[in-house]
PDB file of N, CA and C in Angstrom:
ATOM      1  N   PRO A   1     273.631  73.764  -2.632  1.00  0.00           N
ATOM      2  CA  PRO A   1     272.936  74.964  -2.181  1.00  0.00           C
ATOM      3  C   PRO A   1     271.842  74.616  -1.171  1.00  0.00           C
ATOM      4  N   PRO A   2     271.529  75.517  -0.279  1.00  0.00           N
ATOM      5  CA  PRO A   2     270.455  75.242   0.673  1.00  0.00           C
ATOM      6  C   PRO A   2     269.101  75.258  -0.016  1.00  0.00           C
ATOM      7  N   CYS A   3     268.175  74.491   0.546  1.00  0.00           N
ATOM      8  CA  CYS A   3     266.796  74.513   0.070  1.00  0.00           C
ATOM      9  C   CYS A   3     265.885  74.219   1.243  1.00  0.00           C
ATOM     10  N   GLY A   4     264.675  74.712   1.173  1.00  0.00           N
ATOM     11  CA  GLY A   4     263.705  74.468   2.230  1.00  0.00           C
ATOM     12  C   GLY A   4     262.870  73.251   1.924  1.00  0.00           C
ATOM     13  N   MET A   5     262.525  72.520   2.983  1.00  0.00           N
ATOM     14  CA  MET A   5     261.655  71.368   2.845  1.00  0.00           C
ATOM     15  C   MET A   5     260.702  71.384   4.029  1.00  0.00           C
ATOM     16  N   ALA A   6     259.402  71.246   3.765  1.00  0.00           N
ATOM     17  CA  ALA A   6     258.395  71.201   4.816  1.00  0.00           C
ATOM     18  C   ALA A   6     258.018  69.744   5.061  1.00  0.00           C
ATOM     19  N   PHE A   7     258.115  69.308   6.319  1.00  0.00           N
ATOM     20  CA  PHE A   7     257.796  67.937   6.709  1.00  0.00           C
ATOM     21  C   PHE A   7     256.484  67.929   7.480  1.00  0.00           C
ATOM     22  N   THR A   8     255.576  66.991   7.161  1.00  0.00           N
ATOM     23  CA  THR A   8     254.345  66.836   7.921  1.00  0.00           C
ATOM     24  C   THR A   8     254.486  65.650   8.856  1.00  0.00           C
ATOM     25  N   GLY A   9     253.658  65.624   9.881  1.00  0.00           N
ATOM     26  CA  GLY A   9     253.655  64.527  10.849  1.00  0.00           C
ATOM     27  C   GLY A   9     253.624  65.100  12.250  1.00  0.00           C
ATOM     28  N   GLY A  10     252.815  64.525  13.096  1.00  0.00           N
ATOM     29  CA  GLY A  10     252.686  65.008  14.462  1.00  0.00           C
ATOM     30  C   GLY A  10     253.824  64.530  15.340  1.00  0.00           C
ATOM     31  N   PRO A  11     253.824  64.975  16.592  1.00  0.00           N
ATOM     32  CA  PRO A  11     254.851  64.538  17.544  1.00  0.00           C
ATOM     33  C   PRO A  11     254.892  63.006  17.647  1.00  0.00           C
ATOM     34  N   GLY A  12     256.068  62.458  17.543  1.00  0.00           N
ATOM     35  CA  GLY A  12     256.243  61.010  17.626  1.00  0.00           C
ATOM     36  C   GLY A  12     255.974  60.255  16.342  1.00  0.00           C
ATOM     37  N   ALA A  13     255.599  60.959  15.268  1.00  0.00           N
ATOM     38  CA  ALA A  13     255.322  60.289  13.987  1.00  0.00           C
ATOM     39  C   ALA A  13     256.601  59.667  13.446  1.00  0.00           C
ATOM     40  N   THR A  14     256.465  58.547  12.754  1.00  0.00           N
ATOM     41  CA  THR A  14     257.617  57.889  12.137  1.00  0.00           C
ATOM     42  C   THR A  14     257.551  57.933  10.617  1.00  0.00           C
ATOM     43  N   THR A  15     256.459  58.493  10.079  1.00  0.00           N
ATOM     44  CA  THR A  15     256.322  58.675   8.636  1.00  0.00           C
ATOM     45  C   THR A  15     255.560  59.966   8.377  1.00  0.00           C
ATOM     46  N   GLY A  16     255.694  60.472   7.178  1.00  0.00           N
ATOM     47  CA  GLY A  16     254.956  61.673   6.805  1.00  0.00           C
ATOM     48  C   GLY A  16     255.262  62.072   5.385  1.00  0.00           C
ATOM     49  N   LYS A  17     254.805  63.236   5.036  1.00  0.00           N
ATOM     50  CA  LYS A  17     255.009  63.759   3.685  1.00  0.00           C
ATOM     51  C   LYS A  17     256.052  64.865   3.707  1.00  0.00           C
ATOM     52  N   VAL A  18     256.676  65.095   2.547  1.00  0.00           N
ATOM     53  CA  VAL A  18     257.674  66.145   2.369  1.00  0.00           C
ATOM     54  C   VAL A  18     257.218  67.025   1.208  1.00  0.00           C
ATOM     55  N   ALA A  19     257.363  68.338   1.385  1.00  0.00           N
ATOM     56  CA  ALA A  19     257.087  69.280   0.300  1.00  0.00           C
ATOM     57  C   ALA A  19     258.322  70.151   0.110  1.00  0.00           C
ATOM     58  N   PRO A  20     259.112  69.898  -0.942  1.00  0.00           N
ATOM     59  CA  PRO A  20     260.267  70.751  -1.199  1.00  0.00           C
ATOM     60  C   PRO A  20     259.802  72.139  -1.611  1.00  0.00           C
ATOM     61  N   GLU A  21     260.530  73.159  -1.149  1.00  0.00           N
ATOM     62  CA  GLU A  21     260.131  74.541  -1.410  1.00  0.00           C
ATOM     63  C   GLU A  21     260.861  75.157  -2.597  1.00  0.00           C
ATOM     64  N   GLY A  22     261.613  74.395  -3.337  1.00  0.00           N
ATOM     65  CA  GLY A  22     262.295  74.901  -4.521  1.00  0.00           C
ATOM     66  C   GLY A  22     263.778  75.103  -4.310  1.00  0.00           C
ATOM     67  N   GLY A  23     264.526  75.030  -5.385  1.00  0.00           N
ATOM     68  CA  GLY A  23     265.960  75.238  -5.339  1.00  0.00           C
ATOM     69  C   GLY A  23     266.742  74.062  -4.788  1.00  0.00           C
ATOM     70  N   CYS A  24     266.101  72.916  -4.617  1.00  0.00           N
ATOM     71  CA  CYS A  24     266.774  71.772  -4.018  1.00  0.00           C
ATOM     72  C   CYS A  24     267.708  71.088  -5.024  1.00  0.00           C
ATOM     73  N   PRO A  25     268.907  70.708  -4.566  1.00  0.00           N
ATOM     74  CA  PRO A  25     269.872  70.063  -5.461  1.00  0.00           C
ATOM     75  C   PRO A  25     269.523  68.601  -5.720  1.00  0.00           C
ATOM     76  N   ASP A  26     270.296  68.005  -6.616  1.00  0.00           N
ATOM     77  CA  ASP A  26     270.175  66.578  -6.918  1.00  0.00           C
ATOM     78  C   ASP A  26     268.735  66.297  -7.335  1.00  0.00           C
ATOM     79  N   ARG A  27     268.112  65.255  -6.816  1.00  0.00           N
ATOM     80  CA  ARG A  27     266.729  64.921  -7.164  1.00  0.00           C
ATOM     81  C   ARG A  27     265.762  65.288  -6.037  1.00  0.00           C
ATOM     82  N   PHE A  28     266.174  66.160  -5.118  1.00  0.00           N
ATOM     83  CA  PHE A  28     265.333  66.483  -3.973  1.00  0.00           C
ATOM     84  C   PHE A  28     264.043  67.197  -4.338  1.00  0.00           C
ATOM     85  N   PHE A  29     263.951  67.774  -5.533  1.00  0.00           N
ATOM     86  CA  PHE A  29     262.693  68.378  -5.960  1.00  0.00           C
ATOM     87  C   PHE A  29     261.612  67.309  -6.092  1.00  0.00           C
ATOM     88  N   MET A  30     262.008  66.026  -6.115  1.00  0.00           N
ATOM     89  CA  MET A  30     261.074  64.907  -6.226  1.00  0.00           C
ATOM     90  C   MET A  30     260.656  64.352  -4.861  1.00  0.00           C
ATOM     91  N   SER A  31     261.136  64.939  -3.766  1.00  0.00           N
ATOM     92  CA  SER A  31     260.822  64.455  -2.419  1.00  0.00           C
ATOM     93  C   SER A  31     259.321  64.501  -2.162  1.00  0.00           C
ATOM     94  N   ARG A  32     258.772  63.393  -1.631  1.00  0.00           N
ATOM     95  CA  ARG A  32     257.344  63.324  -1.337  1.00  0.00           C
ATOM     96  C   ARG A  32     257.034  62.698   0.017  1.00  0.00           C
ATOM     97  N   ASN A  33     257.938  61.878   0.558  1.00  0.00           N
ATOM     98  CA  ASN A  33     257.654  61.221   1.834  1.00  0.00           C
ATOM     99  C   ASN A  33     258.918  61.017   2.641  1.00  0.00           C
ATOM    100  N   TRP A  34     258.744  60.760   3.932  1.00  0.00           N
ATOM    101  CA  TRP A  34     259.874  60.473   4.812  1.00  0.00           C
ATOM    102  C   TRP A  34     259.495  59.337   5.753  1.00  0.00           C
ATOM    103  N   VAL A  35     260.512  58.608   6.201  1.00  0.00           N
ATOM    104  CA  VAL A  35     260.355  57.517   7.159  1.00  0.00           C
ATOM    105  C   VAL A  35     261.502  57.617   8.152  1.00  0.00           C
ATOM    106  N   MET A  36     261.167  57.557   9.445  1.00  0.00           N
ATOM    107  CA  MET A  36     262.174  57.587  10.505  1.00  0.00           C
ATOM    108  C   MET A  36     262.249  56.197  11.121  1.00  0.00           C
ATOM    109  N   ASP A  37     263.447  55.630  11.184  1.00  0.00           N
ATOM    110  CA  ASP A  37     263.670  54.318  11.781  1.00  0.00           C
ATOM    111  C   ASP A  37     264.845  54.456  12.736  1.00  0.00           C
ATOM    112  N   GLY A  38     264.556  54.585  14.033  1.00  0.00           N
ATOM    113  CA  GLY A  38     265.617  54.852  15.001  1.00  0.00           C
ATOM    114  C   GLY A  38     266.159  56.245  14.766  1.00  0.00           C
ATOM    115  N   ASN A  39     267.466  56.356  14.535  1.00  0.00           N
ATOM    116  CA  ASN A  39     268.102  57.648  14.231  1.00  0.00           C
ATOM    117  C   ASN A  39     268.297  57.856  12.741  1.00  0.00           C
ATOM    118  N   THR A  40     267.687  57.016  11.911  1.00  0.00           N
ATOM    119  CA  THR A  40     267.870  57.101  10.465  1.00  0.00           C
ATOM    120  C   THR A  40     266.624  57.648   9.783  1.00  0.00           C
ATOM    121  N   LEU A  41     266.807  58.718   9.025  1.00  0.00           N
ATOM    122  CA  LEU A  41     265.737  59.345   8.259  1.00  0.00           C
ATOM    123  C   LEU A  41     265.956  59.037   6.787  1.00  0.00           C
ATOM    124  N   THR A  42     264.928  58.486   6.147  1.00  0.00           N
ATOM    125  CA  THR A  42     264.981  58.224   4.709  1.00  0.00           C
ATOM    126  C   THR A  42     263.955  59.120   4.036  1.00  0.00           C
ATOM    127  N   ILE A  43     264.391  59.854   3.034  1.00  0.00           N
ATOM    128  CA  ILE A  43     263.509  60.720   2.243  1.00  0.00           C
ATOM    129  C   ILE A  43     263.295  60.030   0.908  1.00  0.00           C
ATOM    130  N   GLY A  44     262.014  59.882   0.531  1.00  0.00           N
ATOM    131  CA  GLY A  44     261.696  59.157  -0.695  1.00  0.00           C
ATOM    132  C   GLY A  44     260.883  59.965  -1.685  1.00  0.00           C
ATOM    133  N   ASP A  45     260.801  59.441  -2.901  1.00  0.00           N
ATOM    134  CA  ASP A  45     260.010  60.078  -3.953  1.00  0.00           C
ATOM    135  C   ASP A  45     258.588  59.520  -3.937  1.00  0.00           C
ATOM    136  N   ALA A  46     257.797  59.831  -4.936  1.00  0.00           N
ATOM    137  CA  ALA A  46     256.394  59.402  -4.993  1.00  0.00           C
ATOM    138  C   ALA A  46     256.237  57.884  -5.018  1.00  0.00           C
ATOM    139  N   GLU A  47     257.244  57.165  -5.489  1.00  0.00           N
ATOM    140  CA  GLU A  47     257.204  55.698  -5.513  1.00  0.00           C
ATOM    141  C   GLU A  47     257.913  55.099  -4.303  1.00  0.00           C
ATOM    142  N   SER A  48     258.252  55.935  -3.322  1.00  0.00           N
ATOM    143  CA  SER A  48     258.965  55.538  -2.099  1.00  0.00           C
ATOM    144  C   SER A  48     260.375  55.027  -2.362  1.00  0.00           C
ATOM    145  N   GLU A  49     260.952  55.406  -3.506  1.00  0.00           N
ATOM    146  CA  GLU A  49     262.355  55.111  -3.772  1.00  0.00           C
ATOM    147  C   GLU A  49     263.194  56.095  -2.970  1.00  0.00           C
ATOM    148  N   ALA A  50     264.214  55.603  -2.271  1.00  0.00           N
ATOM    149  CA  ALA A  50     265.040  56.462  -1.417  1.00  0.00           C
ATOM    150  C   ALA A  50     265.812  57.489  -2.237  1.00  0.00           C
ATOM    151  N   LEU A  51     265.662  58.762  -1.854  1.00  0.00           N
ATOM    152  CA  LEU A  51     266.448  59.844  -2.447  1.00  0.00           C
ATOM    153  C   LEU A  51     267.643  60.169  -1.565  1.00  0.00           C
ATOM    154  N   ALA A  52     267.512  59.914  -0.254  1.00  0.00           N
ATOM    155  CA  ALA A  52     268.600  60.166   0.687  1.00  0.00           C
ATOM    156  C   ALA A  52     268.356  59.394   1.969  1.00  0.00           C
ATOM    157  N   THR A  53     269.454  59.030   2.623  1.00  0.00           N
ATOM    158  CA  THR A  53     269.410  58.407   3.936  1.00  0.00           C
ATOM    159  C   THR A  53     270.325  59.222   4.834  1.00  0.00           C
ATOM    160  N   LEU A  54     269.757  59.673   5.967  1.00  0.00           N
ATOM    161  CA  LEU A  54     270.476  60.557   6.878  1.00  0.00           C
ATOM    162  C   LEU A  54     270.408  60.014   8.300  1.00  0.00           C
ATOM    163  N   THR A  55     271.429  60.305   9.097  1.00  0.00           N
ATOM    164  CA  THR A  55     271.491  59.895  10.491  1.00  0.00           C
ATOM    165  C   THR A  55     271.514  61.129  11.369  1.00  0.00           C
ATOM    166  N   PHE A  56     270.773  61.079  12.491  1.00  0.00           N
ATOM    167  CA  PHE A  56     270.709  62.209  13.405  1.00  0.00           C
ATOM    168  C   PHE A  56     271.864  62.150  14.396  1.00  0.00           C
ATOM    169  N   ALA A  57     272.614  63.237  14.481  1.00  0.00           N
ATOM    170  CA  ALA A  57     273.721  63.357  15.435  1.00  0.00           C
ATOM    171  C   ALA A  57     274.062  64.830  15.583  1.00  0.00           C
ATOM    172  N   GLY A  58     274.353  65.253  16.805  1.00  0.00           N
ATOM    173  CA  GLY A  58     274.783  66.627  17.028  1.00  0.00           C
ATOM    174  C   GLY A  58     273.735  67.664  16.677  1.00  0.00           C
ATOM    175  N   GLY A  59     272.446  67.318  16.806  1.00  0.00           N
ATOM    176  CA  GLY A  59     271.386  68.272  16.541  1.00  0.00           C
ATOM    177  C   GLY A  59     271.035  68.465  15.082  1.00  0.00           C
ATOM    178  N   LYS A  60     271.562  67.620  14.195  1.00  0.00           N
ATOM    179  CA  LYS A  60     271.245  67.738  12.763  1.00  0.00           C
ATOM    180  C   LYS A  60     271.311  66.363  12.112  1.00  0.00           C
ATOM    181  N   PHE A  61     270.756  66.285  10.915  1.00  0.00           N
ATOM    182  CA  PHE A  61     270.805  65.066  10.120  1.00  0.00           C
ATOM    183  C   PHE A  61     271.913  65.208   9.095  1.00  0.00           C
ATOM    184  N   GLU A  62     272.704  64.153   8.933  1.00  0.00           N
ATOM    185  CA  GLU A  62     273.765  64.126   7.929  1.00  0.00           C
ATOM    186  C   GLU A  62     273.749  62.793   7.212  1.00  0.00           C
ATOM    187  N   GLY A  63     274.102  62.810   5.947  1.00  0.00           N
ATOM    188  CA  GLY A  63     274.177  61.588   5.168  1.00  0.00           C
ATOM    189  C   GLY A  63     274.474  61.911   3.720  1.00  0.00           C
ATOM    190  N   LYS A  64     273.959  61.058   2.842  1.00  0.00           N
ATOM    191  CA  LYS A  64     274.199  61.230   1.408  1.00  0.00           C
ATOM    192  C   LYS A  64     272.924  60.957   0.632  1.00  0.00           C
ATOM    193  N   SER A  65     272.840  61.614  -0.516  1.00  0.00           N
ATOM    194  CA  SER A  65     271.739  61.322  -1.433  1.00  0.00           C
ATOM    195  C   SER A  65     272.014  59.982  -2.092  1.00  0.00           C
ATOM    196  N   ALA A  66     271.009  59.440  -2.758  1.00  0.00           N
ATOM    197  CA  ALA A  66     271.183  58.180  -3.482  1.00  0.00           C
ATOM    198  C   ALA A  66     272.269  58.310  -4.541  1.00  0.00           C
ATOM    199  N   GLY A  67     272.500  59.540  -5.036  1.00  0.00           N
ATOM    200  CA  GLY A  67     273.532  59.790  -6.038  1.00  0.00           C
ATOM    201  C   GLY A  67     274.904  60.063  -5.448  1.00  0.00           C
ATOM    202  N   GLY A  68     275.009  60.070  -4.088  1.00  0.00           N
ATOM    203  CA  GLY A  68     276.297  60.259  -3.438  1.00  0.00           C
ATOM    204  C   GLY A  68     276.604  61.677  -2.983  1.00  0.00           C
ATOM    205  N   THR A  69     275.669  62.617  -3.187  1.00  0.00           N
ATOM    206  CA  THR A  69     275.877  64.002  -2.758  1.00  0.00           C
ATOM    207  C   THR A  69     275.770  64.098  -1.239  1.00  0.00           C
ATOM    208  N   PRO A  70     276.752  64.694  -0.551  1.00  0.00           N
ATOM    209  CA  PRO A  70     276.644  64.874   0.903  1.00  0.00           C
ATOM    210  C   PRO A  70     275.470  65.806   1.235  1.00  0.00           C
ATOM    211  N   ILE A  71     274.696  65.429   2.246  1.00  0.00           N
ATOM    212  CA  ILE A  71     273.510  66.183   2.645  1.00  0.00           C
ATOM    213  C   ILE A  71     273.597  66.484   4.138  1.00  0.00           C
ATOM    214  N   GLN A  72     273.221  67.685   4.508  1.00  0.00           N
ATOM    215  CA  GLN A  72     273.134  68.077   5.913  1.00  0.00           C
ATOM    216  C   GLN A  72     271.821  68.824   6.081  1.00  0.00           C
ATOM    217  N   MET A  73     271.022  68.399   7.066  1.00  0.00           N
ATOM    218  CA  MET A  73     269.738  69.047   7.298  1.00  0.00           C
ATOM    219  C   MET A  73     269.635  69.491   8.745  1.00  0.00           C
ATOM    220  N   SER A  74     269.117  70.704   8.940  1.00  0.00           N
ATOM    221  CA  SER A  74     268.858  71.210  10.279  1.00  0.00           C
ATOM    222  C   SER A  74     267.720  72.198  10.213  1.00  0.00           C
ATOM    223  N   ARG A  75     267.122  72.469  11.364  1.00  0.00           N
ATOM    224  CA  ARG A  75     266.062  73.471  11.425  1.00  0.00           C
ATOM    225  C   ARG A  75     266.698  74.847  11.467  1.00  0.00           C
ATOM    226  N   PRO A  76     266.054  75.809  10.817  1.00  0.00           N
ATOM    227  CA  PRO A  76     266.571  77.184  10.918  1.00  0.00           C
ATOM    228  C   PRO A  76     266.318  77.694  12.332  1.00  0.00           C
ATOM    229  N   ALA A  77     267.150  78.615  12.772  1.00  0.00           N
ATOM    230  CA  ALA A  77     266.972  79.233  14.076  1.00  0.00           C
ATOM    231  C   ALA A  77     265.669  80.012  14.067  1.00  0.00           C
ATOM    232  N   VAL A  78     264.918  79.917  15.161  1.00  0.00           N
ATOM    233  CA  VAL A  78     263.668  80.638  15.288  1.00  0.00           C
ATOM    234  C   VAL A  78     263.918  81.854  16.174  1.00  0.00           C
ATOM    235  N   LEU A  79     263.653  83.021  15.626  1.00  0.00           N
ATOM    236  CA  LEU A  79     263.855  84.262  16.365  1.00  0.00           C
ATOM    237  C   LEU A  79     262.597  84.615  17.139  1.00  0.00           C
ATOM    238  N   SER A  80     262.768  85.119  18.323  1.00  0.00           N
ATOM    239  CA  SER A  80     261.609  85.572  19.087  1.00  0.00           C
ATOM    240  C   SER A  80     261.194  86.945  18.576  1.00  0.00           C
ATOM    241  N   PRO A  81     259.954  87.348  18.821  1.00  0.00           N
ATOM    242  CA  PRO A  81     259.487  88.663  18.343  1.00  0.00           C
ATOM    243  C   PRO A  81     260.406  89.775  18.818  1.00  0.00           C
ATOM    244  N   GLY A  82     260.681  90.718  17.954  1.00  0.00           N
ATOM    245  CA  GLY A  82     261.514  91.850  18.282  1.00  0.00           C
ATOM    246  C   GLY A  82     262.997  91.639  17.981  1.00  0.00           C
ATOM    247  N   GLN A  83     263.380  90.456  17.498  1.00  0.00           N
ATOM    248  CA  GLN A  83     264.790  90.198  17.173  1.00  0.00           C
ATOM    249  C   GLN A  83     265.021  90.332  15.691  1.00  0.00           C
TER     250      GLN A  83
END
């Protein structure tokens, strides 16, 4: 099922915090941090244990959770005012 996740970090940041917004599958409710290394995004828990490793391609991140669940992440479309 889809779930929202808020990522912190300024432009060009390679690390930051994650705040899951609820309803996340697998162990994603435990997400607390992220690390970007090249095109690879790793989402970790409070102890920095990897919960998922994803690769950026085609405008979205795809990969698997540590438990083997396929994961796909993308930004929601942003509507301009009046749409």
